[in-house]
């Protein structure tokens, strides 16, 4: 199933898009029913920062940031490690992000997988 707003893949039967939060049209109508209204015009969606459930090493924070900013997860992990080793705040920031950032719902398709 494809979101009518941001055109990214989402799970079949979803009522809302995981990427932009747009409400999805109802499932196909019963035979003989009036035709469904056309989908609404595309509205630019808003990305959501979520921890990854599929590409995680510890808590999925780096993979979530990589998906949000459309970067390679390994690059984000290296930058985070450098922040930890050089400035010393990387570890505390990671723990705070692990607690604050919500985990992606099951079946969530990341933006990198659809590109």
Protein backbone atom coordinates (compact mmCIF):
# COMPACT_ATOMS: atom_id res chain seq x y z
CA UNK A 1 0.00 0.00 0.00
CA UNK A 2 1.29 3.48 -0.86
CA UNK A 3 0.57 6.65 1.14
CA UNK A 4 -1.62 9.11 -0.78
CA UNK A 5 0.34 12.03 0.64
CA UNK A 6 4.05 11.18 0.66
CA UNK A 7 3.97 8.21 -1.77
CA UNK A 8 5.98 5.90 0.54
CA UNK A 9 5.16 2.24 1.20
CA UNK A 10 3.10 1.50 4.31
CA UNK A 11 1.43 -1.64 5.64
CA UNK A 12 -1.78 -2.68 3.87
CA UNK A 13 -4.90 -1.61 5.77
CA UNK A 14 -3.15 1.22 7.64
CA UNK A 15 -5.39 4.14 8.55
CA UNK A 16 -2.49 6.59 8.90
CA UNK A 17 0.92 6.88 7.24
CA UNK A 18 3.91 6.11 9.49
CA UNK A 19 6.04 8.68 7.67
CA UNK A 20 3.85 11.78 7.35
CA UNK A 21 0.84 10.96 9.54
CA UNK A 22 -1.68 11.52 6.72
CA UNK A 23 -5.03 9.75 7.04
CA UNK A 24 -5.42 7.06 4.41
CA UNK A 25 -8.63 6.49 2.43
CA UNK A 26 -10.91 3.67 3.57
CA UNK A 27 -10.45 0.19 2.10
CA UNK A 28 -12.18 -0.74 -1.14
CA UNK A 29 -15.96 -0.42 -0.94
CA UNK A 30 -18.31 -3.38 -1.18
CA UNK A 31 -19.45 -4.41 -4.69
CA UNK A 32 -22.34 -2.28 -5.94
CA UNK A 33 -21.56 0.60 -3.61
CA UNK A 34 -20.95 4.14 -4.81
CA UNK A 35 -17.38 4.78 -6.01
CA UNK A 36 -14.98 6.11 -3.43
CA UNK A 37 -13.96 9.75 -3.51
CA UNK A 38 -10.61 10.47 -5.15
CA UNK A 39 -7.65 10.74 -2.77
CA UNK A 40 -6.89 14.21 -1.42
CA UNK A 41 -4.27 16.35 -3.11
CA UNK A 42 -0.73 15.61 -2.05
CA UNK A 43 0.27 17.63 0.98
CA UNK A 44 3.92 17.75 1.94
CA UNK A 45 4.32 15.35 4.84
CA UNK A 46 6.30 15.66 7.99
CA UNK A 47 8.94 13.10 8.86
CA UNK A 48 8.88 11.56 12.30
CA UNK A 49 12.01 10.74 14.25
CA UNK A 50 11.66 7.18 15.56
CA UNK A 51 14.12 4.57 16.78
CA UNK A 52 14.67 1.76 14.30
CA UNK A 53 13.44 -1.73 15.14
CA UNK A 54 15.13 -3.47 12.22
CA UNK A 55 18.57 -1.83 11.95
CA UNK A 56 19.67 -1.41 15.54
CA UNK A 57 22.88 -2.23 17.36
CA UNK A 58 21.94 -1.00 20.84
CA UNK A 59 18.72 0.99 20.94
CA UNK A 60 18.13 1.96 17.32
CA UNK A 61 18.88 5.64 17.93
CA UNK A 62 21.60 6.04 15.27
CA UNK A 63 19.57 4.14 12.66
CA UNK A 64 16.56 6.33 13.50
CA UNK A 65 18.58 9.50 12.99
CA UNK A 66 20.03 8.08 9.76
CA UNK A 67 16.54 7.35 8.45
CA UNK A 68 15.28 10.80 9.47
CA UNK A 69 18.17 12.64 7.76
CA UNK A 70 18.47 10.16 4.85
CA UNK A 71 22.07 9.22 5.72
CA UNK A 72 23.98 5.97 5.99
CA UNK A 73 23.52 4.48 9.49
CA UNK A 74 27.24 3.64 9.74
CA UNK A 75 28.13 7.30 9.16
CA UNK A 76 25.80 8.37 11.98
CA UNK A 77 27.29 5.71 14.28
CA UNK A 78 30.83 6.94 13.55
CA UNK A 79 29.87 10.56 14.23
CA UNK A 80 28.15 9.51 17.46
CA UNK A 81 31.24 7.54 18.54
CA UNK A 82 33.46 10.56 17.84
CA UNK A 83 31.13 12.75 19.91
CA UNK A 84 31.43 10.21 22.73
CA UNK A 85 35.21 9.95 22.56
CA UNK A 86 36.05 13.63 21.94
CA UNK A 87 33.45 15.61 23.82
CA UNK A 88 32.27 12.98 26.28
CA UNK A 89 28.60 13.91 25.88
CA UNK A 90 27.81 11.29 23.23
CA UNK A 91 27.02 8.57 25.79
CA UNK A 92 24.67 10.73 27.83
CA UNK A 93 23.00 12.10 24.70
CA UNK A 94 22.49 8.55 23.39
CA UNK A 95 20.83 7.42 26.61
CA UNK A 96 18.57 10.48 26.65
CA UNK A 97 17.59 9.90 23.00
CA UNK A 98 16.99 6.21 23.72
CA UNK A 99 14.49 7.19 26.43
CA UNK A 100 12.85 10.15 24.64
CA UNK A 101 12.56 9.00 21.00
CA UNK A 102 9.66 6.56 20.46
CA UNK A 103 10.25 3.17 18.89
CA UNK A 104 8.92 2.66 15.36
CA UNK A 105 5.74 0.57 15.20
CA UNK A 106 5.96 -3.05 14.00
CA UNK A 107 5.88 -3.25 10.22
CA UNK A 108 7.29 0.26 9.83
CA UNK A 109 9.04 0.67 6.48
CA UNK A 110 11.92 3.12 6.68
CA UNK A 111 12.34 5.79 4.06
CA UNK A 112 15.70 4.35 3.02
CA UNK A 113 14.10 1.01 2.15
CA UNK A 114 11.63 2.63 -0.27
CA UNK A 115 14.16 4.84 -2.06
